[in-house]
Amino acid sequence: MEQNYQQEFSLAGLIEDDFVDLPLLEAASPSMRAVVAVIGELSNSRVPVLLIGEHGTGKHSIARIIHMNSGGEPENFQVENCRTLSPEALDPRALAAGSCLYLSEIGDLSAECQKKLLEMLAKQGSNGNGNGNGRRELRVVCGSSRDLDADVRSGSFREDLYYRLSSVCLRIPPLRQRKEDVAHLLDFFLQRYSEAYHRPVPVLSAATQKLFVGHSWPGNLPELEAAARAIVAVGDESVAMGGLRSMLTRGDQRGNGERTSLKEASRAASREAERELILKVLTRTRWNRRRAAQELQISYKALLYKLKQIGYTEYGAS
């Protein structure tokens, strides 16, 4: 298992703005429970919904939950990034009836696409919840990491479209405002990666649990997921936390709202885990560096370089 560590620990492709299939409806925090209550009321309508929240607060997941709660099929949940969206993608003929269109970062929608979306919503509004053919209309859910009021005032976002989209506006609280949910979300991520890596679910120490609950999580759900994945991938809580603890503490010192570099956190945990692994193998081989290099599946020269990096160049036999 040790020799595969570096491949397993890579966080490439992990860090995204939002995640799907999170246990958001099992919230314990009052701020999130209020959001859940509104989501439940939306199941019998096709009214547009605007989700406002920082990057990584779960807007994508909530949009999908709204769709599923309304009886939608998973394959009819369509996601579009407004930075790259073309007007043709907003043609109702290109969208399945009864589907849900989630528009990520709606504030980045081009003027032409804003006009097209407004026309589509106005047409649907005139038909109610159906299109005259007995089929349910498209549902539109939009997400934004910034308030759109300033965009409306500056003229970069149409006021008539804004009011059409924000008839139901849900403000998704950041993780620092829903710390009652951290423990449950952490358990979810630990379980997810334990299954992925075929390892036991870690039982975290009281000190680590306290640190996680007390952390402000400026990176929100992706930061929490990355930390949980690091613990499972390393396979040793103390080693993983050796790299993560300083990053979590530094993130709190930066203040709420500033995003933590998850790549930097990953590198810090990786360096600490690599150091511990090298020393463990060297101890087992009685500091025979050639044997250790063979066990670690790296070249002898690479091992010497790594020993120099961690300050152990004068130790051991060749």
Protein backbone atom coordinates (compact mmCIF):
# COMPACT_ATOMS: atom_id res chain seq x y z
CA MET A 1 0.00 0.00 0.00
CA GLU A 2 2.86 2.40 0.80
CA GLN A 3 4.40 2.15 -2.67
CA ASN A 4 1.14 3.36 -4.24
CA TYR A 5 0.78 6.29 -1.89
CA GLN A 6 1.79 9.09 -4.23
CA GLN A 7 -0.60 8.02 -6.97
CA GLU A 8 -3.52 7.69 -4.56
CA PHE A 9 -2.92 11.00 -2.80
CA SER A 10 -3.08 13.16 -5.93
CA LEU A 11 -5.88 15.72 -5.66
CA ALA A 12 -5.95 16.36 -9.41
CA GLY A 13 -9.51 16.79 -10.60
CA LEU A 14 -10.93 16.93 -7.09
CA ILE A 15 -11.24 20.65 -6.51
CA GLU A 16 -14.43 22.06 -8.01
CA ASP A 17 -16.82 24.81 -7.07
CA ASP A 18 -19.64 22.53 -5.99
CA PHE A 19 -20.34 18.86 -5.51
CA VAL A 20 -23.36 16.66 -6.11
CA ASP A 21 -24.83 13.91 -3.97
CA LEU A 22 -23.97 15.58 -0.67
CA PRO A 23 -26.17 14.93 2.40
CA LEU A 24 -27.40 18.53 2.39
CA LEU A 25 -30.93 17.64 3.45
CA GLU A 26 -29.69 16.15 6.73
CA ALA A 27 -28.54 19.52 8.01
CA ALA A 28 -28.42 20.23 11.74
CA SER A 29 -27.65 23.95 11.53
CA PRO A 30 -30.60 26.38 11.72
CA SER A 31 -29.34 28.36 8.71
CA MET A 32 -29.26 25.31 6.47
CA ARG A 33 -32.48 23.83 7.82
CA ALA A 34 -34.27 27.01 6.72
CA VAL A 35 -32.96 26.42 3.19
CA VAL A 36 -34.08 22.78 3.31
CA ALA A 37 -37.59 23.84 4.34
CA VAL A 38 -37.92 26.05 1.27
CA ILE A 39 -36.56 23.31 -0.99
CA GLY A 40 -39.38 21.08 0.21
CA GLU A 41 -41.97 23.68 -0.78
CA LEU A 42 -40.63 23.86 -4.34
CA SER A 43 -41.38 20.26 -5.29
CA ASN A 44 -44.82 20.99 -6.78
CA SER A 45 -43.92 24.00 -8.90
CA ARG A 46 -41.70 24.88 -11.85
CA VAL A 47 -40.89 28.39 -10.66
CA PRO A 48 -37.33 29.59 -11.38
CA VAL A 49 -34.94 29.51 -8.40
CA LEU A 50 -31.88 31.67 -7.77
CA LEU A 51 -29.18 30.26 -5.48
CA ILE A 52 -26.75 32.78 -4.00
CA GLY A 53 -23.68 31.54 -2.14
CA GLU A 54 -19.89 31.53 -2.02
CA HIS A 55 -17.91 29.11 -4.17
CA GLY A 56 -18.16 25.61 -2.77
CA THR A 57 -21.31 26.02 -0.66
CA GLY A 58 -23.24 23.34 -2.58
CA LYS A 59 -25.34 25.28 -5.09
CA HIS A 60 -24.92 22.58 -7.73
CA SER A 61 -26.04 19.91 -5.27
CA ILE A 62 -29.07 21.92 -4.17
CA ALA A 63 -30.13 22.51 -7.78
CA ARG A 64 -29.99 18.78 -8.40
CA ILE A 65 -31.97 18.06 -5.22
CA ILE A 66 -34.68 20.52 -6.31
CA HIS A 67 -34.90 18.70 -9.63
CA MET A 68 -35.08 15.24 -8.05
CA ASN A 69 -37.63 16.33 -5.45
CA SER A 70 -39.85 17.51 -8.28
CA GLY A 71 -39.91 14.03 -9.77
CA GLY A 72 -37.21 14.69 -12.33
CA GLU A 73 -35.04 11.98 -13.81
CA PRO A 74 -31.26 12.14 -13.17
CA GLU A 75 -30.48 12.21 -16.89
CA ASN A 76 -32.69 15.29 -17.32
CA PHE A 77 -30.52 17.46 -15.06
CA GLN A 78 -28.48 19.68 -17.36
CA VAL A 79 -25.64 21.94 -16.18
CA GLU A 80 -24.32 24.90 -18.14
CA ASN A 81 -21.51 27.31 -17.31
CA CYS A 82 -22.71 30.80 -18.18
CA ARG A 83 -19.21 31.98 -19.08
CA THR A 84 -19.24 29.73 -22.14
CA LEU A 85 -22.96 29.36 -22.81
CA SER A 86 -24.18 30.01 -26.36
CA PRO A 87 -27.64 31.36 -27.23
CA GLU A 88 -28.36 28.13 -29.15
CA ALA A 89 -28.14 26.17 -25.88
CA LEU A 90 -31.17 28.13 -24.62
CA ASP A 91 -33.40 27.06 -27.47
CA PRO A 92 -36.34 25.18 -25.84
CA ARG A 93 -36.25 22.66 -28.70
CA ALA A 94 -32.78 21.58 -27.52
CA LEU A 95 -34.00 20.92 -23.97
CA ALA A 96 -36.08 17.96 -22.84
CA ALA A 97 -39.52 18.68 -21.41
CA GLY A 98 -39.59 18.27 -17.66
CA SER A 99 -35.83 18.72 -17.40
CA CYS A 100 -33.94 21.09 -15.11
CA LEU A 101 -31.40 23.54 -16.49
CA TYR A 102 -28.85 24.65 -13.91
CA LEU A 103 -27.05 27.82 -14.99
CA SER A 104 -23.83 28.22 -13.01
CA GLU A 105 -22.61 31.79 -12.37
CA ILE A 106 -25.62 33.44 -13.98
CA GLY A 107 -23.99 36.86 -13.58
CA ASP A 108 -21.55 35.95 -16.36
CA LEU A 109 -24.31 35.40 -18.91
CA SER A 110 -23.78 37.39 -22.11
CA ALA A 111 -26.26 40.08 -23.15
CA GLU A 112 -27.48 37.94 -26.05
CA CYS A 113 -28.01 34.93 -23.79
CA GLN A 114 -29.80 37.10 -21.22
CA LYS A 115 -32.27 38.18 -23.90
CA LYS A 116 -32.79 34.59 -25.05
CA LEU A 117 -33.32 33.32 -21.49
CA LEU A 118 -35.82 36.09 -20.74
CA GLU A 119 -37.83 35.24 -23.86
CA MET A 120 -37.89 31.57 -22.91
CA LEU A 121 -39.02 32.26 -19.34
CA ALA A 122 -41.67 34.73 -20.49
CA LYS A 123 -43.09 32.16 -22.88
CA GLN A 124 -43.18 29.51 -20.17
CA GLY A 125 -44.84 31.93 -17.78
CA SER A 126 -47.64 32.56 -20.22
CA ASN A 127 -48.28 28.81 -20.41
CA GLY A 128 -48.23 28.12 -16.66
CA ASN A 129 -46.71 24.76 -15.75
CA GLY A 130 -47.45 23.17 -19.09
CA ASN A 131 -46.91 23.90 -22.73
CA GLY A 132 -50.34 22.97 -23.98
CA ASN A 133 -49.25 19.49 -24.95
CA GLY A 134 -49.55 17.92 -21.52
CA ARG A 135 -45.81 18.04 -20.95
CA ARG A 136 -44.14 19.80 -18.05
CA GLU A 137 -42.03 22.81 -18.90
CA LEU A 138 -38.33 23.20 -18.30
CA ARG A 139 -37.27 24.29 -14.82
CA VAL A 140 -34.48 26.87 -14.56
CA VAL A 141 -32.27 27.05 -11.48
CA CYS A 142 -29.47 29.62 -11.42
CA GLY A 143 -26.43 29.89 -9.19
CA SER A 144 -24.24 32.86 -8.41
CA SER A 145 -21.29 33.38 -6.10
CA ARG A 146 -21.97 37.11 -5.94
CA ASP A 147 -25.02 39.28 -5.34
CA LEU A 148 -26.48 40.41 -8.64
CA ASP A 149 -27.79 43.75 -7.34
CA ALA A 150 -24.56 45.54 -8.28
CA ASP A 151 -24.65 44.01 -11.78
CA VAL A 152 -28.22 45.23 -12.21
CA ARG A 153 -27.27 48.74 -11.08
CA SER A 154 -24.29 48.83 -13.44
CA GLY A 155 -26.41 47.66 -16.35
CA SER A 156 -24.40 44.49 -17.01
CA PHE A 157 -27.36 42.31 -15.99
CA ARG A 158 -30.91 42.91 -17.13
CA GLU A 159 -33.23 44.07 -14.39
CA ASP A 160 -36.29 42.38 -15.90
CA LEU A 161 -34.41 39.05 -16.11
CA TYR A 162 -33.15 39.42 -12.54
CA TYR A 163 -36.66 39.83 -11.15
CA ARG A 164 -37.90 36.94 -13.27
CA LEU A 165 -35.15 34.64 -11.91
CA SER A 166 -35.23 35.75 -8.29
CA SER A 167 -38.90 35.13 -7.54
CA VAL A 168 -37.49 32.43 -5.23
CA CYS A 169 -34.02 33.37 -3.99
CA LEU A 170 -32.16 31.06 -1.60
CA ARG A 171 -29.03 32.29 0.12
CA ILE A 172 -26.80 29.28 0.86
CA PRO A 173 -24.79 29.79 4.07
CA PRO A 174 -21.02 29.21 3.96
CA LEU A 175 -19.62 26.39 6.07
CA ARG A 176 -18.37 28.79 8.76
CA GLN A 177 -22.01 29.72 9.44
CA ARG A 178 -23.18 26.13 9.73
CA LYS A 179 -20.55 24.47 11.89
CA GLU A 180 -23.16 22.13 13.33
CA ASP A 181 -23.03 20.32 9.97
CA VAL A 182 -19.23 19.89 9.80
CA ALA A 183 -19.07 16.60 11.70
CA HIS A 184 -21.76 14.96 9.57
CA LEU A 185 -20.24 16.19 6.30
CA LEU A 186 -16.80 15.04 7.44
CA ASP A 187 -18.15 11.55 8.17
CA PHE A 188 -19.72 11.51 4.71
CA PHE A 189 -16.43 12.35 2.98
CA LEU A 190 -14.41 9.90 5.08
CA GLN A 191 -16.88 7.15 4.19
CA ARG A 192 -16.78 8.09 0.49
CA TYR A 193 -12.99 7.86 0.21
CA SER A 194 -12.67 4.85 2.48
CA GLU A 195 -14.89 2.99 0.02
CA ALA A 196 -12.95 4.38 -2.96
CA TYR A 197 -9.58 3.34 -1.50
CA HIS A 198 -10.84 0.10 0.10
CA ARG A 199 -9.66 1.18 3.54
CA PRO A 200 -11.30 1.29 6.98
CA VAL A 201 -13.13 4.47 7.87
CA PRO A 202 -10.76 6.50 10.08
CA VAL A 203 -11.83 7.22 13.66
CA LEU A 204 -10.53 10.74 14.25
CA SER A 205 -9.08 11.89 17.54
CA ALA A 206 -10.91 14.42 19.68
CA ALA A 207 -8.22 17.00 18.90
CA THR A 208 -8.69 16.66 15.14
CA GLN A 209 -12.48 16.79 15.43
CA LYS A 210 -12.20 19.96 17.53
CA LEU A 211 -9.86 21.52 14.97
CA PHE A 212 -12.24 20.71 12.11
CA VAL A 213 -15.30 22.11 13.88
CA GLY A 214 -13.43 25.25 14.93
CA HIS A 215 -11.92 25.96 11.50
CA SER A 216 -13.60 28.70 9.43
CA TRP A 217 -13.39 26.69 6.16
CA PRO A 218 -12.86 29.61 3.75
CA GLY A 219 -12.77 27.05 0.93
CA ASN A 220 -16.13 25.63 2.08
CA LEU A 221 -17.09 22.07 1.04
CA PRO A 222 -14.18 21.46 -1.37
CA GLU A 223 -11.69 22.33 1.39
CA LEU A 224 -13.39 19.94 3.84
CA GLU A 225 -13.50 17.20 1.21
CA ALA A 226 -9.82 17.64 0.37
CA ALA A 227 -8.87 17.36 4.05
CA ALA A 228 -10.94 14.20 4.52
CA ARG A 229 -9.49 12.65 1.38
CA ALA A 230 -5.95 13.41 2.55
CA ILE A 231 -6.54 11.61 5.85
CA VAL A 232 -7.90 8.51 4.12
CA ALA A 233 -5.26 8.50 1.36
CA VAL A 234 -2.34 8.81 3.77
CA GLY A 235 -3.82 6.14 6.03
CA ASP A 236 -2.46 7.77 9.17
CA GLU A 237 -4.29 10.64 10.84
CA SER A 238 -1.20 12.02 12.63
CA VAL A 239 0.87 12.08 9.44
CA ALA A 240 -1.89 13.69 7.35
CA MET A 241 -2.68 16.27 10.01
CA GLY A 242 1.02 17.17 10.25
CA GLY A 243 0.66 18.74 6.83
CA LEU A 244 -2.93 19.91 7.11
CA ARG A 245 -2.85 21.47 10.57
CA SER A 246 -0.62 24.39 9.59
CA MET A 247 -2.72 25.05 6.49
CA LEU A 248 -5.98 25.03 8.44
CA THR A 249 -4.56 27.35 11.08
CA ARG A 250 -3.15 29.68 8.45
CA GLY A 251 -6.51 29.75 6.69
CA ASP A 252 -8.22 30.89 9.91
CA GLN A 253 -5.66 33.65 10.37
CA ARG A 254 -6.41 34.97 6.88
CA GLY A 255 -9.99 35.65 7.87
CA ASN A 256 -13.38 34.50 6.65
CA GLY A 257 -14.21 34.79 2.98
CA GLU A 258 -10.66 34.48 1.63
CA ARG A 259 -10.20 31.25 -0.24
CA THR A 260 -7.55 28.81 0.91
CA SER A 261 -5.29 27.18 -1.68
CA LEU A 262 -6.25 23.50 -1.57
CA LYS A 263 -3.32 22.64 -3.80
CA GLU A 264 -1.02 24.19 -1.21
CA ALA A 265 -2.72 22.19 1.53
CA SER A 266 -2.33 19.03 -0.53
CA ARG A 267 1.37 19.67 -1.10
CA ALA A 268 1.96 20.33 2.60
CA ALA A 269 0.27 17.08 3.62
CA SER A 270 2.07 15.20 0.84
CA ARG A 271 5.50 16.46 1.92
CA GLU A 272 4.91 15.48 5.53
CA ALA A 273 3.59 12.05 4.56
CA GLU A 274 6.53 11.49 2.20
CA ARG A 275 9.00 12.39 4.94
CA GLU A 276 7.38 9.98 7.38
CA LEU A 277 7.31 7.18 4.79
CA ILE A 278 10.99 7.62 3.87
CA LEU A 279 12.09 7.57 7.48
CA LYS A 280 9.91 4.54 8.18
CA VAL A 281 11.46 2.55 5.31
CA LEU A 282 14.99 3.67 6.21
CA THR A 283 14.45 2.51 9.77
CA ARG A 284 13.21 -0.86 8.55
CA THR A 285 16.27 -1.25 6.26
CA ARG A 286 18.61 -0.06 9.04
CA TRP A 287 19.35 3.04 6.97
CA ASN A 288 20.63 1.17 3.97
CA ARG A 289 19.77 3.80 1.41
CA ARG A 290 20.07 1.57 -1.65
CA ARG A 291 17.67 -0.99 -0.20
CA ALA A 292 15.33 1.79 0.90
CA ALA A 293 15.32 3.27 -2.61
CA GLN A 294 14.37 -0.13 -4.02
CA GLU A 295 11.49 -0.50 -1.54
CA LEU A 296 10.28 2.99 -2.28
CA GLN A 297 10.53 2.29 -6.02
CA ILE A 298 12.59 5.40 -6.70
CA SER A 299 16.17 5.81 -7.90
CA TYR A 300 19.05 5.98 -5.43
CA LYS A 301 19.82 9.49 -6.67
CA ALA A 302 16.21 10.56 -6.06
CA LEU A 303 16.35 9.23 -2.51
CA LEU A 304 19.57 11.16 -1.80
CA TYR A 305 17.90 14.31 -3.08
CA LYS A 306 14.87 13.78 -0.88
CA LEU A 307 17.10 13.12 2.15
CA LYS A 308 18.85 16.40 1.46
CA GLN A 309 15.48 18.16 1.35
CA ILE A 310 14.50 16.87 4.78
CA GLY A 311 17.95 17.35 6.34
CA TYR A 312 19.15 13.73 6.64
CA THR A 313 22.09 13.74 4.20
CA GLU A 314 24.68 12.60 6.75
CA TYR A 315 22.82 9.52 7.97
CA GLY A 316 22.96 5.88 6.93
CA ALA A 317 25.05 3.55 4.81
CA SER A 318 25.18 3.56 1.05
